[in-house]
């Protein structure tokens, strides 16, 4: 059934949030962030990015962490689902993100790998240092994920299931 406007006459476009994955990584009381060159200046973010077609969220967060930090991320559990909405500075576009956040550990950086385009460097910061600069966060979810982690939110990786159909082209035109 297609969504309709309030009057019931005109079909409306289906709203779809942008699905992203993020890694929350702690080592000795410090958290790994990336410094990114964005259209709004240099900002801090968790290693994070969009979920790509044909990959599970776990595969996506491992890939994004590697691309943005040159470190191999090992997910240990699921932190939670977080949503935020903002308006792009340049275009005025209204965007909602649905972030699937994982916590885990990383290897040392691989010196053979280059950081993803736009990533300036990685930084290790304490929770207090992160809290002290919210104006430098790419998203309010940087702090939300940190606070959830510090509050002890922990879920098993098995809480999210990726059906095998994600990894191959659809065989029939059936809706979920």
C-alpha atoms as a PDB file:
ATOM      1  CA  UNK A   1       0.000   0.000   0.000  1.00  0.00           C
ATOM      2  CA  UNK A   2       1.382   3.398  -0.996  1.00  0.00           C
ATOM      3  CA  UNK A   3       1.446   6.221   1.547  1.00  0.00           C
ATOM      4  CA  UNK A   4      -1.041   9.010   0.845  1.00  0.00           C
ATOM      5  CA  UNK A   5      -1.270  12.591   1.958  1.00  0.00           C
ATOM      6  CA  UNK A   6      -3.589  13.642   4.783  1.00  0.00           C
ATOM      7  CA  UNK A   7      -6.460  14.269   2.365  1.00  0.00           C
ATOM      8  CA  UNK A   8      -6.066  10.687   1.039  1.00  0.00           C
ATOM      9  CA  UNK A   9      -5.822  11.781  -2.591  1.00  0.00           C
ATOM     10  CA  UNK A  10      -2.193  12.115  -3.642  1.00  0.00           C
ATOM     11  CA  UNK A  11       0.417   9.377  -3.227  1.00  0.00           C
ATOM     12  CA  UNK A  12       3.410  10.674  -1.298  1.00  0.00           C
ATOM     13  CA  UNK A  13       7.008   9.678  -1.831  1.00  0.00           C
ATOM     14  CA  UNK A  14       8.120   7.028   0.635  1.00  0.00           C
ATOM     15  CA  UNK A  15      10.465   8.426   3.287  1.00  0.00           C
ATOM     16  CA  UNK A  16      13.675   6.458   3.743  1.00  0.00           C
ATOM     17  CA  UNK A  17      16.378   7.314   6.265  1.00  0.00           C
ATOM     18  CA  UNK A  18      20.034   7.013   5.294  1.00  0.00           C
ATOM     19  CA  UNK A  19      21.417   3.895   6.978  1.00  0.00           C
ATOM     20  CA  UNK A  20      24.916   4.239   8.380  1.00  0.00           C
ATOM     21  CA  UNK A  21      27.193   2.059  10.478  1.00  0.00           C
ATOM     22  CA  UNK A  22      29.610   3.312  13.125  1.00  0.00           C
ATOM     23  CA  UNK A  23      32.389   1.897  15.289  1.00  0.00           C
ATOM     24  CA  UNK A  24      32.852   2.900  18.930  1.00  0.00           C
ATOM     25  CA  UNK A  25      36.409   1.959  19.877  1.00  0.00           C
ATOM     26  CA  UNK A  26      37.931   2.373  23.329  1.00  0.00           C
ATOM     27  CA  UNK A  27      41.512   1.711  24.337  1.00  0.00           C
ATOM     28  CA  UNK A  28      42.850   2.576  27.791  1.00  0.00           C
ATOM     29  CA  UNK A  29      40.138   5.164  28.450  1.00  0.00           C
ATOM     30  CA  UNK A  30      40.460   6.888  25.072  1.00  0.00           C
ATOM     31  CA  UNK A  31      38.141   6.666  22.091  1.00  0.00           C
ATOM     32  CA  UNK A  32      39.163   6.521  18.440  1.00  0.00           C
ATOM     33  CA  UNK A  33      37.682   9.277  16.284  1.00  0.00           C
ATOM     34  CA  UNK A  34      38.432  10.525  12.806  1.00  0.00           C
ATOM     35  CA  UNK A  35      38.994  14.125  11.843  1.00  0.00           C
ATOM     36  CA  UNK A  36      37.164  14.809   8.583  1.00  0.00           C
ATOM     37  CA  UNK A  37      37.264  17.667   6.108  1.00  0.00           C
ATOM     38  CA  UNK A  38      33.567  18.392   5.459  1.00  0.00           C
ATOM     39  CA  UNK A  39      31.604  21.159   3.766  1.00  0.00           C
ATOM     40  CA  UNK A  40      31.096  22.547   7.292  1.00  0.00           C
ATOM     41  CA  UNK A  41      34.816  22.497   8.108  1.00  0.00           C
ATOM     42  CA  UNK A  42      37.021  20.001   9.935  1.00  0.00           C
ATOM     43  CA  UNK A  43      34.827  17.882  12.199  1.00  0.00           C
ATOM     44  CA  UNK A  44      35.143  14.809  14.426  1.00  0.00           C
ATOM     45  CA  UNK A  45      33.237  11.576  13.902  1.00  0.00           C
ATOM     46  CA  UNK A  46      33.302   7.955  14.886  1.00  0.00           C
ATOM     47  CA  UNK A  47      34.677   5.774  12.102  1.00  0.00           C
ATOM     48  CA  UNK A  48      31.382   5.580  10.222  1.00  0.00           C
ATOM     49  CA  UNK A  49      29.734   5.604   6.844  1.00  0.00           C
ATOM     50  CA  UNK A  50      26.879   4.418   4.699  1.00  0.00           C
ATOM     51  CA  UNK A  51      25.887   0.792   4.533  1.00  0.00           C
ATOM     52  CA  UNK A  52      26.590  -0.451   1.002  1.00  0.00           C
ATOM     53  CA  UNK A  53      24.299  -2.709  -1.034  1.00  0.00           C
ATOM     54  CA  UNK A  54      25.114  -6.397  -0.663  1.00  0.00           C
ATOM     55  CA  UNK A  55      26.773  -6.177   2.743  1.00  0.00           C
ATOM     56  CA  UNK A  56      25.623  -6.883   6.269  1.00  0.00           C
ATOM     57  CA  UNK A  57      25.881  -4.134   8.888  1.00  0.00           C
ATOM     58  CA  UNK A  58      28.817  -5.986  10.495  1.00  0.00           C
ATOM     59  CA  UNK A  59      30.627  -6.172   7.150  1.00  0.00           C
ATOM     60  CA  UNK A  60      29.878  -2.483   6.608  1.00  0.00           C
ATOM     61  CA  UNK A  61      31.275  -1.318   9.947  1.00  0.00           C
ATOM     62  CA  UNK A  62      34.430  -3.408   9.464  1.00  0.00           C
ATOM     63  CA  UNK A  63      34.902  -1.882   5.986  1.00  0.00           C
ATOM     64  CA  UNK A  64      34.216   1.694   7.101  1.00  0.00           C
ATOM     65  CA  UNK A  65      36.583   1.447  10.078  1.00  0.00           C
ATOM     66  CA  UNK A  66      39.341   0.097   7.833  1.00  0.00           C
ATOM     67  CA  UNK A  67      38.795   2.794   5.191  1.00  0.00           C
ATOM     68  CA  UNK A  68      38.773   5.628   7.715  1.00  0.00           C
ATOM     69  CA  UNK A  69      41.427   4.473  10.211  1.00  0.00           C
ATOM     70  CA  UNK A  70      43.611   1.919   8.337  1.00  0.00           C
ATOM     71  CA  UNK A  71      42.938  -0.353  11.324  1.00  0.00           C
ATOM     72  CA  UNK A  72      41.197  -3.727  11.320  1.00  0.00           C
ATOM     73  CA  UNK A  73      38.050  -3.388  13.445  1.00  0.00           C
ATOM     74  CA  UNK A  74      36.832  -6.430  15.379  1.00  0.00           C
ATOM     75  CA  UNK A  75      33.208  -5.939  16.437  1.00  0.00           C
ATOM     76  CA  UNK A  76      32.548  -7.325  19.910  1.00  0.00           C
ATOM     77  CA  UNK A  77      28.895  -6.348  20.166  1.00  0.00           C
ATOM     78  CA  UNK A  78      26.075  -4.088  19.081  1.00  0.00           C
ATOM     79  CA  UNK A  79      25.742  -0.737  20.838  1.00  0.00           C
ATOM     80  CA  UNK A  80      22.347   0.323  19.488  1.00  0.00           C
ATOM     81  CA  UNK A  81      20.359   2.118  16.810  1.00  0.00           C
ATOM     82  CA  UNK A  82      20.466   5.891  16.838  1.00  0.00           C
ATOM     83  CA  UNK A  83      18.604   8.441  14.708  1.00  0.00           C
ATOM     84  CA  UNK A  84      19.314  12.073  13.970  1.00  0.00           C
ATOM     85  CA  UNK A  85      18.006  14.662  11.552  1.00  0.00           C
ATOM     86  CA  UNK A  86      19.673  17.730  10.149  1.00  0.00           C
ATOM     87  CA  UNK A  87      19.561  20.208   7.283  1.00  0.00           C
ATOM     88  CA  UNK A  88      22.557  20.355   4.939  1.00  0.00           C
ATOM     89  CA  UNK A  89      24.247  23.733   5.124  1.00  0.00           C
ATOM     90  CA  UNK A  90      24.954  24.004   1.377  1.00  0.00           C
ATOM     91  CA  UNK A  91      21.713  22.638  -0.095  1.00  0.00           C
ATOM     92  CA  UNK A  92      19.128  22.925   2.673  1.00  0.00           C
ATOM     93  CA  UNK A  93      18.310  19.244   2.191  1.00  0.00           C
ATOM     94  CA  UNK A  94      16.499  17.665   5.168  1.00  0.00           C
ATOM     95  CA  UNK A  95      18.223  14.352   6.006  1.00  0.00           C
ATOM     96  CA  UNK A  96      17.577  11.689   8.623  1.00  0.00           C
ATOM     97  CA  UNK A  97      20.239   9.148   9.522  1.00  0.00           C
ATOM     98  CA  UNK A  98      19.671   5.770  11.131  1.00  0.00           C
ATOM     99  CA  UNK A  99      22.984   4.716  12.657  1.00  0.00           C
ATOM    100  CA  UNK A 100      23.729   1.106  13.584  1.00  0.00           C
ATOM    101  CA  UNK A 101      26.559   1.375  16.086  1.00  0.00           C
ATOM    102  CA  UNK A 102      28.959  -1.368  17.130  1.00  0.00           C
ATOM    103  CA  UNK A 103      31.663  -1.456  19.764  1.00  0.00           C
ATOM    104  CA  UNK A 104      34.906  -3.359  19.508  1.00  0.00           C
ATOM    105  CA  UNK A 105      38.660  -3.157  19.197  1.00  0.00           C
ATOM    106  CA  UNK A 106      41.129  -2.307  16.456  1.00  0.00           C
ATOM    107  CA  UNK A 107      44.544  -3.425  15.324  1.00  0.00           C
ATOM    108  CA  UNK A 108      47.394  -1.011  14.915  1.00  0.00           C
ATOM    109  CA  UNK A 109      47.112   1.018  11.672  1.00  0.00           C
ATOM    110  CA  UNK A 110      48.397  -0.629   8.508  1.00  0.00           C
ATOM    111  CA  UNK A 111      51.043   1.798   7.164  1.00  0.00           C
ATOM    112  CA  UNK A 112      50.400   0.468   3.624  1.00  0.00           C
ATOM    113  CA  UNK A 113      46.814   1.782   3.632  1.00  0.00           C
ATOM    114  CA  UNK A 114      45.692   5.333   2.915  1.00  0.00           C
ATOM    115  CA  UNK A 115      42.841   6.916   4.803  1.00  0.00           C
ATOM    116  CA  UNK A 116      39.586   7.471   2.929  1.00  0.00           C
ATOM    117  CA  UNK A 117      39.132  10.699   0.975  1.00  0.00           C
ATOM    118  CA  UNK A 118      38.269  13.534   3.342  1.00  0.00           C
ATOM    119  CA  UNK A 119      39.731  11.858   6.424  1.00  0.00           C
ATOM    120  CA  UNK A 120      42.597  14.004   7.715  1.00  0.00           C
ATOM    121  CA  UNK A 121      43.747  11.810  10.594  1.00  0.00           C
ATOM    122  CA  UNK A 122      42.677   9.614  13.469  1.00  0.00           C
ATOM    123  CA  UNK A 123      42.675  10.901  17.038  1.00  0.00           C
ATOM    124  CA  UNK A 124      42.348   9.231  20.433  1.00  0.00           C
ATOM    125  CA  UNK A 125      40.340  11.336  22.910  1.00  0.00           C
ATOM    126  CA  UNK A 126      38.980  10.869  26.415  1.00  0.00           C
ATOM    127  CA  UNK A 127      35.244  11.021  27.030  1.00  0.00           C
ATOM    128  CA  UNK A 128      35.692  14.417  28.701  1.00  0.00           C
ATOM    129  CA  UNK A 129      37.622  15.763  25.705  1.00  0.00           C
ATOM    130  CA  UNK A 130      34.848  14.580  23.373  1.00  0.00           C
ATOM    131  CA  UNK A 131      32.140  16.071  25.586  1.00  0.00           C
ATOM    132  CA  UNK A 132      34.025  19.385  25.686  1.00  0.00           C
ATOM    133  CA  UNK A 133      33.776  20.025  21.937  1.00  0.00           C
ATOM    134  CA  UNK A 134      30.250  19.210  20.666  1.00  0.00           C
ATOM    135  CA  UNK A 135      30.554  22.001  18.080  1.00  0.00           C
ATOM    136  CA  UNK A 136      33.296  19.921  16.411  1.00  0.00           C
ATOM    137  CA  UNK A 137      31.146  16.767  16.143  1.00  0.00           C
ATOM    138  CA  UNK A 138      29.974  15.837  12.666  1.00  0.00           C
ATOM    139  CA  UNK A 139      26.769  14.510  14.182  1.00  0.00           C
ATOM    140  CA  UNK A 140      25.061  14.618  17.584  1.00  0.00           C
ATOM    141  CA  UNK A 141      25.286  10.820  17.397  1.00  0.00           C
ATOM    142  CA  UNK A 142      29.024  10.964  18.171  1.00  0.00           C
ATOM    143  CA  UNK A 143      28.184  11.931  21.737  1.00  0.00           C
ATOM    144  CA  UNK A 144      25.001   9.820  21.930  1.00  0.00           C
ATOM    145  CA  UNK A 145      26.958   6.670  21.011  1.00  0.00           C
ATOM    146  CA  UNK A 146      29.699   7.513  23.504  1.00  0.00           C
ATOM    147  CA  UNK A 147      27.207   8.067  26.324  1.00  0.00           C
ATOM    148  CA  UNK A 148      25.362   4.824  25.502  1.00  0.00           C
ATOM    149  CA  UNK A 149      28.652   2.934  25.633  1.00  0.00           C
ATOM    150  CA  UNK A 150      29.661   4.546  28.926  1.00  0.00           C
ATOM    151  CA  UNK A 151      26.198   3.740  30.345  1.00  0.00           C
ATOM    152  CA  UNK A 152      26.888   0.066  29.652  1.00  0.00           C
ATOM    153  CA  UNK A 153      24.620  -0.504  26.673  1.00  0.00           C
ATOM    154  CA  UNK A 154      25.746  -3.803  25.183  1.00  0.00           C
ATOM    155  CA  UNK A 155      23.926  -6.235  22.907  1.00  0.00           C
ATOM    156  CA  UNK A 156      25.159  -9.394  21.210  1.00  0.00           C
ATOM    157  CA  UNK A 157      26.121  -9.205  17.541  1.00  0.00           C
ATOM    158  CA  UNK A 158      23.336 -11.726  16.876  1.00  0.00           C
ATOM    159  CA  UNK A 159      20.679  -9.111  17.735  1.00  0.00           C
ATOM    160  CA  UNK A 160      20.694  -8.075  14.046  1.00  0.00           C
ATOM    161  CA  UNK A 161      20.097 -10.721  11.429  1.00  0.00           C
ATOM    162  CA  UNK A 162      21.056 -10.310   7.788  1.00  0.00           C
ATOM    163  CA  UNK A 163      19.071 -12.619   5.527  1.00  0.00           C
ATOM    164  CA  UNK A 164      21.026 -14.398   2.758  1.00  0.00           C
ATOM    165  CA  UNK A 165      18.945 -12.502   0.176  1.00  0.00           C
ATOM    166  CA  UNK A 166      21.050  -9.383   0.914  1.00  0.00           C
ATOM    167  CA  UNK A 167      24.086 -11.060  -0.658  1.00  0.00           C
ATOM    168  CA  UNK A 168      22.515 -11.965  -4.015  1.00  0.00           C
ATOM    169  CA  UNK A 169      20.165 -10.370  -6.564  1.00  0.00           C
ATOM    170  CA  UNK A 170      16.465 -10.762  -5.785  1.00  0.00           C
ATOM    171  CA  UNK A 171      14.770 -13.744  -7.423  1.00  0.00           C
ATOM    172  CA  UNK A 172      11.151 -12.614  -7.188  1.00  0.00           C
ATOM    173  CA  UNK A 173       9.233  -9.367  -6.885  1.00  0.00           C
ATOM    174  CA  UNK A 174       7.929  -9.947  -3.351  1.00  0.00           C
ATOM    175  CA  UNK A 175       7.873  -7.294  -0.682  1.00  0.00           C
ATOM    176  CA  UNK A 176       9.250  -7.866   2.812  1.00  0.00           C
END
